[in-house]
Amino acid sequence: MNIYTLGILEHNAKLLLLLRQNTKFFSGYYGLMGGKIEEDESPSAALIRETYEEIGIKITAENLHFVHCLSFKNETNDKVLALVFKIISWHGETVNKEPDKCAALAWFFYDNLPENIIPRHRLILDHVRQSEMYSECGW
């Protein structure tokens, strides 16, 4: 089973999404920041690393609040768990540090999300807004 960690970053009632490009899955779609947890890495450590690598902000484990777990099968039928955290506070300014994989960073109001958002990420956001801690899809 693959385990991923995703981060929800909010500022002024808006949500930060990354526009993926040149990626194996969902290129041309907006999504949350995050990625696969590496061997011998905790979920919080993975999100701390991914957040800095992708958007250049510094966070600590104390800045993370667990909000959701999604269990699903992906497009290649792999079993996946996505652990989702809200980032409560951070240091630094958001910047696109991976322009080869990310075309843009953009802030959206929850009621005006882009049409081209990764469907699972939209599902996660819907569950988080309803304070639902666990969901499944694709089984």
Protein backbone atom coordinates (compact mmCIF):
# COMPACT_ATOMS: atom_id res chain seq x y z
CA MET A 1 0.00 0.00 0.00
CA ASN A 2 1.26 3.47 -0.90
CA ILE A 3 0.88 6.22 1.68
CA TYR A 4 0.76 9.89 0.75
CA THR A 5 0.48 13.04 2.79
CA LEU A 6 -1.35 16.14 1.58
CA GLY A 7 -1.47 19.65 2.98
CA ILE A 8 -4.26 22.19 3.06
CA LEU A 9 -2.95 25.75 3.23
CA GLU A 10 -5.46 28.54 3.78
CA HIS A 11 -4.98 32.31 3.89
CA ASN A 12 -7.62 35.06 3.89
CA ALA A 13 -10.39 32.45 3.42
CA LYS A 14 -8.67 31.07 0.31
CA LEU A 15 -7.07 27.69 -0.41
CA LEU A 16 -3.73 27.25 -2.18
CA LEU A 17 -3.71 24.81 -5.10
CA LEU A 18 -0.86 23.81 -7.40
CA LEU A 19 -1.39 23.44 -11.16
CA ARG A 20 0.38 20.22 -12.16
CA GLN A 21 2.30 19.89 -15.42
CA ASN A 22 4.53 17.20 -16.94
CA THR A 23 3.26 14.67 -14.38
CA LYS A 24 2.28 11.03 -14.82
CA PHE A 25 -1.17 11.55 -13.30
CA PHE A 26 -3.49 14.55 -13.64
CA SER A 27 -1.18 16.86 -15.57
CA GLY A 28 -3.13 20.06 -16.22
CA TYR A 29 -5.12 19.71 -13.00
CA TYR A 30 -4.97 21.67 -9.76
CA GLY A 31 -4.22 19.77 -6.58
CA LEU A 32 -3.10 20.00 -2.99
CA MET A 33 0.57 20.04 -2.10
CA GLY A 34 2.21 16.88 -0.80
CA GLY A 35 3.52 13.57 -1.95
CA LYS A 36 4.53 10.03 -1.15
CA ILE A 37 5.93 9.24 2.27
CA GLU A 38 9.45 7.89 1.92
CA GLU A 39 10.70 4.81 3.75
CA ASP A 40 11.45 5.52 7.43
CA GLU A 41 9.70 8.92 7.20
CA SER A 42 6.72 9.94 9.32
CA PRO A 43 3.66 11.52 7.69
CA SER A 44 4.38 14.88 9.31
CA ALA A 45 8.05 14.76 8.27
CA ALA A 46 6.99 13.95 4.71
CA LEU A 47 4.62 16.92 4.56
CA ILE A 48 7.24 19.23 6.07
CA ARG A 49 9.70 18.11 3.39
CA GLU A 50 7.21 18.20 0.50
CA THR A 51 5.88 21.63 1.48
CA TYR A 52 9.35 23.14 1.50
CA GLU A 53 10.34 21.39 -1.75
CA GLU A 54 7.17 22.45 -3.56
CA ILE A 55 6.30 25.92 -2.26
CA GLY A 56 9.24 27.03 -0.11
CA ILE A 57 7.52 27.59 3.23
CA LYS A 58 8.79 26.18 6.51
CA ILE A 59 6.46 24.34 8.85
CA THR A 60 6.87 22.12 11.89
CA ALA A 61 4.90 19.12 13.14
CA GLU A 62 3.25 21.44 15.67
CA ASN A 63 1.87 23.48 12.73
CA LEU A 64 -0.06 20.47 11.39
CA HIS A 65 -3.59 19.39 12.30
CA PHE A 66 -4.80 16.03 10.97
CA VAL A 67 -8.17 16.44 9.20
CA HIS A 68 -8.83 13.45 6.92
CA CYS A 69 -7.78 10.04 5.61
CA LEU A 70 -8.84 8.87 2.15
CA SER A 71 -8.46 5.21 1.17
CA PHE A 72 -8.62 4.54 -2.57
CA LYS A 73 -7.37 2.57 -5.55
CA ASN A 74 -5.58 4.72 -8.10
CA GLU A 75 -5.56 4.57 -11.90
CA THR A 76 -3.09 1.67 -11.90
CA ASN A 77 -5.13 -0.22 -9.27
CA ASP A 78 -2.63 0.47 -6.46
CA LYS A 79 -4.03 0.70 -2.94
CA VAL A 80 -3.40 4.16 -1.48
CA LEU A 81 -3.93 5.98 1.80
CA ALA A 82 -3.84 9.78 1.71
CA LEU A 83 -3.33 11.43 5.09
CA VAL A 84 -4.46 15.05 5.00
CA PHE A 85 -3.35 17.85 7.33
CA LYS A 86 -4.29 21.50 7.64
CA ILE A 87 -1.24 23.71 7.96
CA ILE A 88 -2.04 26.04 10.85
CA SER A 89 0.93 28.40 10.52
CA TRP A 90 4.14 28.70 8.52
CA HIS A 91 7.21 30.83 7.91
CA GLY A 92 8.15 32.33 4.57
CA GLU A 93 6.37 33.26 1.37
CA THR A 94 4.85 30.75 -1.03
CA VAL A 95 6.84 30.35 -4.23
CA ASN A 96 6.76 27.78 -7.02
CA LYS A 97 9.97 25.83 -6.39
CA GLU A 98 9.19 23.08 -8.92
CA PRO A 99 8.31 24.88 -12.19
CA ASP A 100 9.09 21.70 -14.12
CA LYS A 101 6.16 19.93 -12.35
CA CYS A 102 4.01 22.90 -11.36
CA ALA A 103 2.76 25.51 -13.84
CA ALA A 104 1.36 27.85 -11.17
CA LEU A 105 0.33 28.37 -7.57
CA ALA A 106 -3.14 29.87 -7.16
CA TRP A 107 -5.46 30.80 -4.29
CA PHE A 108 -9.17 29.90 -4.55
CA PHE A 109 -12.26 30.42 -2.42
CA TYR A 110 -13.81 27.07 -1.48
CA ASP A 111 -17.03 27.98 -3.26
CA ASN A 112 -15.14 28.84 -6.45
CA LEU A 113 -12.72 25.94 -6.98
CA PRO A 114 -11.45 25.36 -10.52
CA GLU A 115 -13.18 22.84 -12.74
CA ASN A 116 -9.85 21.10 -13.39
CA ILE A 117 -9.12 20.06 -9.82
CA ILE A 118 -8.04 16.46 -9.16
CA PRO A 119 -11.37 14.72 -8.41
CA ARG A 120 -10.05 12.98 -5.28
CA HIS A 121 -8.73 16.29 -3.95
CA ARG A 122 -12.17 17.88 -4.45
CA LEU A 123 -13.66 14.89 -2.60
CA ILE A 124 -11.16 15.33 0.24
CA LEU A 125 -11.96 19.04 0.53
CA ASP A 126 -15.70 18.29 0.63
CA HIS A 127 -15.17 15.77 3.45
CA VAL A 128 -12.89 18.13 5.38
CA ARG A 129 -15.46 20.94 5.16
CA GLN A 130 -18.02 18.51 6.64
CA SER A 131 -15.57 17.49 9.42
CA GLU A 132 -15.53 13.89 8.17
CA MET A 133 -12.28 12.22 9.15
CA TYR A 134 -12.38 9.18 6.82
CA SER A 135 -13.62 8.30 3.35
CA GLU A 136 -13.11 5.67 0.61
CA CYS A 137 -13.38 5.74 -3.18
CA GLY A 138 -12.53 3.52 -6.12
CA TRP A 139 -12.80 0.17 -4.35
